[in-house]
Amino acid sequence: MVIIMNAYDQKNECCGCMACLNACPQKAIVMQTDSEGFFYPQTDERFCINCGICKKVCPFQNGLPKNNELIVFAAKHRDPEVLEASSSGGVFTAISDFILKSGGVVYGVAFDENFNVCHQRAQTLDQRDKFRGSKYVQSNLNETFDNIARDLENGLIVLFSGTPCQCAGLRNYLAGIKYNRANLYLCDFICHGVSSPLAWRDYVKFLEHKYQQRLVYFSFRNKENGWANSQQYARFAVQNSDESYNTKYSFLNLYRSLYITRPSCFNCLFASYNRIADITLGDFWNIGNSKPHMDDDKGTSSVIISSQKGLYLFDAIKNDLIWEQSNPADCWQPHLEYPPVEPKGRGKFWDEYCKYGFDYVMQKYGKGTASSRIIRTFTPLLKKAGLYRFAGKVYGKIFRRNAEAKG
């Protein structure tokens, strides 16, 4: 098989959404992982007819929509159990409850039996519950787009939850094959970038080897110590009191370092107030200043509505929520305005990863970088002082200037 790469030009222009794979009429595209564990499309020239569909459906080849007016809410679920099980305010649970009760299906991200992160289909509340909580790893979409097209063809209501680029890929794919999207609802989130599936799989192996126990549960954001101080939590088949995985061996520290972030995330088109999805969810970090009466440290969601469909969803669920209308300025987060900036040490990190293995880089980088530790330490203080947005803008200017100088 002769392979050519014509679905994208550079790695930072491919988000791995698999829209091209699903849209190719000749099935000439396969997805293969690179040395960092990220999927990229590769094309077999024996079957390629140069129709250009792969580029037509690519999120990086199409511009962002212009949202005329965003409607913003601060919201949290009324049910304390739902709030406790959610990374933020539990709004996704309310939305997906409504879709399922309407006879629809929900696609979201879950762990499989081996803790691989992948998109799955849910028709029941129990199946949907696996989608709760943040998963800071790029999900494997497998045949999700084709399955959604089939569900829509059969007249089902479909809710798809994913990253903004995944939502864009799905939308472009369905538009390309001229499917009626009237029953499709897109829900994305304020995305800070996706991590390497390879690094995540190796991290699971690292934990199980270190603690000599099988991993049975993992949460990237456990709120036992409060929403503002949430941290990862691992549970093993036989518990022990050693929780160094939260400090010295934290996957979140690798995530925050940006060393394991996909290259396209540093070139993201979707870190913007112009949203692809009907409804966008995120943490309402400024709630303590903008609406202190709603701040109970149990989680509050930013809900950004960018379409009539999104407004319809919110109207359908608002009785399940405690909510107040807000504005784009109060719900601000850095990646509503600019993408993350590639750290200078990323290349060295992956060189060491490939040469010495995951255990080596976990021991070396598991505490996080100096900059990520500083940001982690001072961000809560800046939020309380009402300086979060100001500091974020300064941070963005400094690091973007450094990145431009580096380039």
Protein backbone atom coordinates (compact mmCIF):
# COMPACT_ATOMS: atom_id res chain seq x y z
CA MET A 1 0.00 0.00 0.00
CA VAL A 2 1.40 3.37 -1.03
CA ILE A 3 0.55 6.11 1.44
CA ILE A 4 0.25 9.81 0.72
CA MET A 5 -0.87 12.50 3.13
CA ASN A 6 -3.23 14.87 1.36
CA ALA A 7 -5.98 15.45 3.93
CA TYR A 8 -3.77 18.00 5.72
CA ASP A 9 -0.49 19.80 5.09
CA GLN A 10 1.04 20.02 8.58
CA LYS A 11 0.32 18.30 11.86
CA ASN A 12 -0.80 21.50 13.52
CA GLU A 13 -3.57 21.68 10.91
CA CYS A 14 -5.14 18.31 11.79
CA CYS A 15 -7.24 17.89 14.93
CA GLY A 16 -7.87 14.15 14.43
CA CYS A 17 -11.67 14.50 14.26
CA MET A 18 -11.91 11.72 11.65
CA ALA A 19 -14.40 13.64 9.48
CA CYS A 20 -12.23 12.93 6.44
CA LEU A 21 -12.12 9.21 7.25
CA ASN A 22 -15.91 9.01 7.40
CA ALA A 23 -16.56 11.27 4.41
CA CYS A 24 -14.17 9.67 1.91
CA PRO A 25 -16.39 8.05 -0.77
CA GLN A 26 -13.63 5.64 -1.77
CA LYS A 27 -12.71 4.61 1.78
CA ALA A 28 -9.15 5.52 0.82
CA ILE A 29 -8.29 7.03 4.20
CA VAL A 30 -7.05 5.21 7.28
CA MET A 31 -6.15 6.67 10.67
CA GLN A 32 -2.70 5.90 12.02
CA THR A 33 -1.03 7.02 15.23
CA ASP A 34 2.24 8.90 15.30
CA SER A 35 5.01 8.59 17.89
CA GLU A 36 3.01 10.78 20.29
CA GLY A 37 -0.05 8.56 20.08
CA PHE A 38 -2.29 10.94 18.11
CA PHE A 39 -4.39 9.80 15.15
CA TYR A 40 -3.70 11.28 11.71
CA PRO A 41 -5.34 10.44 8.36
CA GLN A 42 -3.29 8.77 5.69
CA THR A 43 -4.51 8.21 2.15
CA ASP A 44 -3.95 5.22 -0.09
CA GLU A 45 -3.27 6.72 -3.52
CA ARG A 46 -4.48 3.54 -5.24
CA PHE A 47 -8.04 4.38 -4.23
CA CYS A 48 -7.93 8.19 -3.98
CA ILE A 49 -9.80 9.93 -6.82
CA ASN A 50 -8.71 13.45 -5.75
CA CYS A 51 -12.30 14.54 -5.14
CA GLY A 52 -11.20 16.90 -2.36
CA ILE A 53 -13.97 15.90 0.02
CA CYS A 54 -11.45 15.20 2.79
CA LYS A 55 -10.44 18.86 2.79
CA LYS A 56 -13.99 20.13 2.38
CA VAL A 57 -15.06 18.49 5.64
CA CYS A 58 -11.86 19.36 7.55
CA PRO A 59 -12.51 21.82 10.41
CA PHE A 60 -9.20 23.54 9.71
CA GLN A 61 -10.14 24.15 6.08
CA ASN A 62 -13.39 25.92 6.96
CA GLY A 63 -13.85 29.20 8.79
CA LEU A 64 -15.71 29.79 12.01
CA PRO A 65 -19.35 30.89 11.96
CA LYS A 66 -20.08 34.41 13.13
CA ASN A 67 -22.39 34.29 16.13
CA ASN A 68 -24.50 37.44 16.05
CA GLU A 69 -25.30 37.39 19.74
CA LEU A 70 -24.42 35.02 22.54
CA ILE A 71 -26.75 34.39 25.46
CA VAL A 72 -24.90 33.43 28.64
CA PHE A 73 -26.16 31.86 31.84
CA ALA A 74 -24.62 30.81 35.13
CA ALA A 75 -26.28 27.53 36.11
CA LYS A 76 -26.10 24.49 38.35
CA HIS A 77 -28.24 21.41 38.76
CA ARG A 78 -30.80 21.40 41.58
CA ASP A 79 -30.02 17.80 42.51
CA PRO A 80 -27.03 17.67 44.92
CA GLU A 81 -26.14 14.13 43.81
CA VAL A 82 -25.92 15.22 40.18
CA LEU A 83 -23.82 18.21 41.19
CA GLU A 84 -21.43 15.99 43.15
CA ALA A 85 -21.02 13.59 40.21
CA SER A 86 -20.27 16.39 37.74
CA SER A 87 -17.03 18.27 37.11
CA SER A 88 -18.82 21.59 37.14
CA GLY A 89 -22.51 22.47 37.50
CA GLY A 90 -24.18 19.35 36.12
CA VAL A 91 -25.83 21.07 33.14
CA PHE A 92 -24.79 18.30 30.73
CA THR A 93 -26.79 15.84 32.84
CA ALA A 94 -29.88 18.04 32.56
CA ILE A 95 -29.50 18.37 28.77
CA SER A 96 -28.90 14.67 28.20
CA ASP A 97 -31.79 13.76 30.54
CA PHE A 98 -34.10 15.78 28.33
CA ILE A 99 -32.80 14.16 25.12
CA LEU A 100 -33.17 10.64 26.52
CA LYS A 101 -36.66 11.31 27.90
CA SER A 102 -37.58 12.57 24.43
CA GLY A 103 -36.65 9.18 22.97
CA GLY A 104 -33.31 10.35 21.64
CA VAL A 105 -29.73 9.12 21.96
CA VAL A 106 -26.65 10.74 23.44
CA TYR A 107 -23.05 10.47 22.26
CA GLY A 108 -20.38 11.37 24.78
CA VAL A 109 -16.94 10.45 26.07
CA ALA A 110 -16.37 7.59 28.51
CA PHE A 111 -13.77 5.10 29.66
CA ASP A 112 -14.06 1.62 28.18
CA GLU A 113 -13.28 -1.49 30.22
CA ASN A 114 -9.54 -0.85 29.77
CA PHE A 115 -9.72 2.87 30.58
CA ASN A 116 -9.29 3.91 26.97
CA VAL A 117 -11.06 7.22 26.31
CA CYS A 118 -13.60 6.92 23.52
CA HIS A 119 -16.93 8.19 22.30
CA GLN A 120 -19.87 5.95 23.10
CA ARG A 121 -23.61 5.89 22.42
CA ALA A 122 -26.16 6.01 25.24
CA GLN A 123 -29.87 5.21 25.22
CA THR A 124 -30.26 4.86 28.98
CA LEU A 125 -29.41 6.99 31.99
CA ASP A 126 -26.92 4.40 33.24
CA GLN A 127 -25.07 4.44 29.93
CA ARG A 128 -25.12 8.25 29.90
CA ASP A 129 -23.75 8.51 33.43
CA LYS A 130 -20.38 7.29 32.14
CA PHE A 131 -20.13 10.53 30.16
CA ARG A 132 -20.20 12.69 33.28
CA GLY A 133 -16.97 14.32 34.34
CA SER A 134 -14.11 15.77 32.33
CA LYS A 135 -11.80 13.48 30.35
CA TYR A 136 -8.60 15.36 29.56
CA VAL A 137 -7.57 12.96 26.80
CA GLN A 138 -8.39 12.99 23.09
CA SER A 139 -11.22 10.54 22.54
CA ASN A 140 -11.29 7.88 19.86
CA LEU A 141 -14.37 8.58 17.72
CA ASN A 142 -14.21 5.23 15.92
CA GLU A 143 -17.43 5.00 13.82
CA THR A 144 -19.33 7.65 15.78
CA PHE A 145 -20.04 9.95 12.82
CA ASP A 146 -21.45 7.11 10.71
CA ASN A 147 -23.56 5.93 13.63
CA ILE A 148 -24.96 9.42 14.15
CA ALA A 149 -25.84 9.66 10.45
CA ARG A 150 -27.70 6.37 10.76
CA ASP A 151 -29.58 7.53 13.86
CA LEU A 152 -30.61 10.75 12.12
CA GLU A 153 -31.71 8.80 9.07
CA ASN A 154 -33.91 6.70 11.36
CA GLY A 155 -35.56 9.83 12.74
CA LEU A 156 -33.89 9.87 16.17
CA ILE A 157 -33.02 12.98 18.14
CA VAL A 158 -29.25 13.02 18.67
CA LEU A 159 -27.13 14.94 21.17
CA PHE A 160 -23.41 14.92 20.43
CA SER A 161 -21.01 16.15 23.10
CA GLY A 162 -17.38 16.70 22.21
CA THR A 163 -14.60 19.20 21.63
CA PRO A 164 -15.34 22.18 19.37
CA CYS A 165 -13.23 20.69 16.56
CA GLN A 166 -15.06 17.36 16.84
CA CYS A 167 -18.40 19.20 16.64
CA ALA A 168 -17.13 21.07 13.57
CA GLY A 169 -15.98 17.83 11.96
CA LEU A 170 -19.36 16.18 12.57
CA ARG A 171 -21.26 19.16 11.25
CA ASN A 172 -19.11 19.35 8.10
CA TYR A 173 -19.37 15.60 7.54
CA LEU A 174 -23.16 15.61 7.75
CA ALA A 175 -23.39 18.68 5.52
CA GLY A 176 -21.13 16.97 2.99
CA ILE A 177 -23.38 13.93 2.73
CA LYS A 178 -26.46 16.19 2.79
CA TYR A 179 -28.08 14.75 5.91
CA ASN A 180 -30.93 16.59 7.57
CA ARG A 181 -29.51 17.96 10.81
CA ALA A 182 -32.80 19.21 12.27
CA ASN A 183 -32.69 16.55 15.02
CA LEU A 184 -28.99 17.01 15.80
CA TYR A 185 -27.90 19.03 18.84
CA LEU A 186 -24.24 19.90 19.31
CA CYS A 187 -22.80 20.49 22.77
CA ASP A 188 -19.14 21.47 23.12
CA PHE A 189 -17.11 22.84 26.00
CA ILE A 190 -14.51 25.51 26.62
CA CYS A 191 -11.54 23.42 25.59
CA HIS A 192 -8.01 23.81 26.92
CA GLY A 193 -6.53 21.23 24.54
CA VAL A 194 -6.53 17.42 24.38
CA SER A 195 -3.84 15.09 25.69
CA SER A 196 -2.11 12.15 24.09
CA PRO A 197 -3.99 8.82 24.33
CA LEU A 198 -0.59 7.12 24.40
CA ALA A 199 0.51 9.11 27.45
CA TRP A 200 -2.81 8.30 29.16
CA ARG A 201 -2.56 4.56 28.46
CA ASP A 202 1.01 4.53 29.73
CA TYR A 203 -0.08 6.47 32.80
CA VAL A 204 -2.69 3.82 33.65
CA LYS A 205 0.00 1.14 33.31
CA PHE A 206 2.33 3.24 35.45
CA LEU A 207 -0.25 3.53 38.24
CA GLU A 208 -1.09 -0.16 38.22
CA HIS A 209 2.58 -1.14 38.31
CA LYS A 210 3.51 1.37 41.00
CA TYR A 211 0.62 0.51 43.32
CA GLN A 212 0.54 -3.17 42.36
CA GLN A 213 -3.23 -2.99 41.99
CA ARG A 214 -5.72 -2.94 39.16
CA LEU A 215 -7.25 0.47 38.54
CA VAL A 216 -11.05 0.31 38.88
CA TYR A 217 -12.08 3.99 38.90
CA PHE A 218 -10.55 7.30 37.88
CA SER A 219 -11.80 10.88 38.07
CA PHE A 220 -9.88 13.78 36.62
CA ARG A 221 -11.76 16.23 38.84
CA ASN A 222 -12.93 14.90 42.18
CA LYS A 223 -14.74 17.58 44.21
CA GLU A 224 -14.35 16.02 47.65
CA ASN A 225 -12.27 19.04 48.70
CA GLY A 226 -14.50 21.48 46.85
CA TRP A 227 -14.96 22.57 43.26
CA ALA A 228 -12.20 25.18 43.39
CA ASN A 229 -9.71 22.64 44.77
CA SER A 230 -10.77 19.61 42.76
CA GLN A 231 -8.06 17.07 41.99
CA GLN A 232 -7.73 13.72 40.32
CA TYR A 233 -8.75 10.61 42.19
CA ALA A 234 -7.85 6.98 41.51
CA ARG A 235 -9.39 3.92 43.10
CA PHE A 236 -7.75 0.51 42.95
CA ALA A 237 -9.07 -2.99 43.47
CA VAL A 238 -7.47 -2.91 46.93
CA GLN A 239 -7.15 0.55 48.41
CA ASN A 240 -4.01 1.94 50.03
CA SER A 241 -3.29 5.21 51.77
CA ASP A 242 -0.58 6.37 49.35
CA GLU A 243 -2.06 9.17 47.26
CA SER A 244 1.14 10.47 45.68
CA TYR A 245 -0.63 10.16 42.31
CA ASN A 246 -2.30 13.47 43.26
CA THR A 247 0.99 15.31 43.69
CA LYS A 248 4.23 13.74 42.52
CA TYR A 249 2.64 11.45 39.93
CA SER A 250 -0.34 13.45 38.75
CA PHE A 251 -1.50 13.10 35.16
CA LEU A 252 -3.05 16.55 35.52
CA ASN A 253 0.44 17.99 36.03
CA LEU A 254 1.48 16.56 32.67
CA TYR A 255 -1.72 17.90 31.15
CA ARG A 256 -1.14 21.39 32.54
CA SER A 257 2.46 21.37 31.31
CA LEU A 258 1.06 21.16 27.73
CA TYR A 259 3.84 18.71 26.80
CA ILE A 260 1.28 16.03 25.94
CA THR A 261 -1.15 18.35 24.15
CA ARG A 262 -1.97 17.72 20.49
CA PRO A 263 -0.04 20.06 18.12
CA SER A 264 -3.21 21.41 16.48
CA CYS A 265 -4.43 22.68 19.85
CA PHE A 266 -1.72 25.35 19.73
CA ASN A 267 -3.16 26.41 16.38
CA CYS A 268 -6.82 26.09 17.41
CA LEU A 269 -9.39 28.00 15.38
CA PHE A 270 -12.11 27.41 17.94
CA ALA A 271 -10.66 29.19 20.98
CA SER A 272 -13.15 31.96 20.36
CA TYR A 273 -16.49 33.41 21.38
CA ASN A 274 -17.67 32.34 17.93
CA ARG A 275 -18.97 28.90 18.80
CA ILE A 276 -19.52 25.88 16.57
CA ALA A 277 -21.99 24.11 18.86
CA ASP A 278 -25.55 25.03 19.78
CA ILE A 279 -24.61 25.16 23.44
CA THR A 280 -21.20 25.47 25.13
CA LEU A 281 -20.48 24.41 28.70
CA GLY A 282 -17.60 25.31 30.98
CA ASP A 283 -16.63 26.29 34.51
CA PHE A 284 -17.97 29.66 35.63
CA TRP A 285 -14.77 30.56 37.48
CA ASN A 286 -15.79 34.18 38.05
CA ILE A 287 -18.98 33.24 39.89
CA GLY A 288 -17.59 34.38 43.26
CA ASN A 289 -17.27 37.94 41.97
CA SER A 290 -20.15 38.23 39.52
CA LYS A 291 -22.77 36.26 41.48
CA PRO A 292 -21.39 35.47 44.96
CA HIS A 293 -24.77 34.21 46.19
CA MET A 294 -24.42 31.29 43.74
CA ASP A 295 -20.90 30.37 44.84
CA ASP A 296 -21.11 27.37 47.18
CA ASP A 297 -17.88 25.72 45.93
CA LYS A 298 -19.88 22.79 44.58
CA GLY A 299 -19.62 23.84 40.94
CA THR A 300 -21.28 26.37 38.64
CA SER A 301 -21.40 26.08 34.87
CA SER A 302 -21.05 28.70 32.20
CA VAL A 303 -23.75 28.04 29.62
CA ILE A 304 -23.16 29.84 26.31
CA ILE A 305 -26.05 29.73 23.85
CA SER A 306 -25.18 30.41 20.21
CA SER A 307 -28.22 29.15 18.27
CA GLN A 308 -31.98 28.78 18.45
CA LYS A 309 -31.47 25.08 19.07
CA GLY A 310 -29.30 25.88 22.06
CA LEU A 311 -31.93 28.26 23.42
CA TYR A 312 -34.59 25.57 22.94
CA LEU A 313 -32.49 23.10 24.95
CA PHE A 314 -31.96 25.55 27.78
CA ASP A 315 -35.65 26.46 27.94
CA ALA A 316 -36.45 22.75 28.16
CA ILE A 317 -34.13 22.13 31.13
CA LYS A 318 -34.10 25.37 33.10
CA ASN A 319 -36.60 24.08 35.69
CA ASP A 320 -33.98 21.47 36.65
CA LEU A 321 -31.41 24.20 37.24
CA ILE A 322 -30.62 27.09 39.51
CA TRP A 323 -29.71 29.74 36.98
CA GLU A 324 -29.26 33.42 36.26
CA GLN A 325 -28.50 35.25 33.07
CA SER A 326 -24.95 36.55 32.71
CA ASN A 327 -22.72 37.94 29.95
CA PRO A 328 -19.61 36.96 27.94
CA ALA A 329 -17.30 39.16 30.01
CA ASP A 330 -18.22 37.51 33.32
CA CYS A 331 -17.88 33.96 32.00
CA TRP A 332 -14.51 34.75 30.38
CA GLN A 333 -11.82 32.09 30.19
CA PRO A 334 -8.50 32.34 28.32
CA HIS A 335 -9.49 29.83 25.67
CA LEU A 336 -12.61 31.74 24.76
CA GLU A 337 -10.14 34.21 23.31
CA TYR A 338 -6.86 32.48 22.40
CA PRO A 339 -5.45 28.93 22.17
CA PRO A 340 -2.78 27.51 24.47
CA VAL A 341 0.80 28.28 23.54
CA GLU A 342 3.24 25.48 22.81
CA PRO A 343 5.83 25.25 25.60
CA LYS A 344 9.50 25.49 24.65
CA GLY A 345 10.36 22.14 26.22
CA ARG A 346 7.76 20.08 24.37
CA GLY A 347 10.17 18.66 21.78
CA LYS A 348 12.67 17.67 24.46
CA PHE A 349 9.90 15.99 26.47
CA TRP A 350 8.88 13.76 23.56
CA ASP A 351 12.49 12.99 22.67
CA GLU A 352 12.99 11.73 26.23
CA TYR A 353 9.65 9.92 26.18
CA CYS A 354 10.60 7.99 23.03
CA LYS A 355 14.14 7.32 24.21
CA TYR A 356 13.63 6.48 27.90
CA GLY A 357 9.94 5.63 28.24
CA PHE A 358 6.99 6.94 30.21
CA ASP A 359 8.29 6.09 33.68
CA TYR A 360 11.27 8.36 33.11
CA VAL A 361 9.23 11.40 32.02
CA MET A 362 6.68 10.78 34.79
CA GLN A 363 9.42 10.88 37.39
CA LYS A 364 10.97 13.97 35.80
CA TYR A 365 7.88 15.99 34.86
CA GLY A 366 5.19 14.56 37.16
CA LYS A 367 5.27 17.58 39.47
CA GLY A 368 4.57 19.88 36.53
CA THR A 369 6.62 22.69 35.09
CA ALA A 370 7.58 25.77 37.09
CA SER A 371 5.16 27.93 35.08
CA SER A 372 2.28 25.48 35.45
CA ARG A 373 2.87 25.27 39.22
CA ILE A 374 2.88 29.07 39.49
CA ILE A 375 -0.34 29.33 37.50
CA ARG A 376 -1.90 26.57 39.58
CA THR A 377 -0.93 28.32 42.82
CA PHE A 378 -1.90 31.88 41.97
CA THR A 379 -4.99 31.40 39.79
CA PRO A 380 -7.36 30.74 42.76
CA LEU A 381 -6.07 33.91 44.43
CA LEU A 382 -6.55 35.93 41.26
CA LYS A 383 -10.09 34.61 40.93
CA LYS A 384 -10.94 35.66 44.47
CA ALA A 385 -9.42 39.08 43.90
CA GLY A 386 -11.41 39.59 40.71
CA LEU A 387 -8.23 39.75 38.60
CA TYR A 388 -8.61 36.46 36.73
CA ARG A 389 -9.55 38.01 33.40
CA PHE A 390 -6.90 40.72 33.62
CA ALA A 391 -4.18 38.19 34.51
CA GLY A 392 -5.33 35.87 31.73
CA LYS A 393 -5.05 38.60 29.13
CA VAL A 394 -1.55 39.54 30.34
CA TYR A 395 -0.56 35.86 30.30
CA GLY A 396 -1.91 35.49 26.79
CA LYS A 397 0.01 38.51 25.47
CA ILE A 398 3.29 37.41 27.08
CA PHE A 399 3.19 33.82 25.90
CA ARG A 400 1.87 34.58 22.44
CA ARG A 401 4.65 37.15 22.01
CA ASN A 402 7.22 34.55 23.09
CA ALA A 403 5.74 32.01 20.68
CA GLU A 404 5.89 34.48 17.80
CA ALA A 405 9.52 35.30 18.63
CA LYS A 406 10.30 31.59 18.78
CA GLY A 407 8.65 31.05 15.40
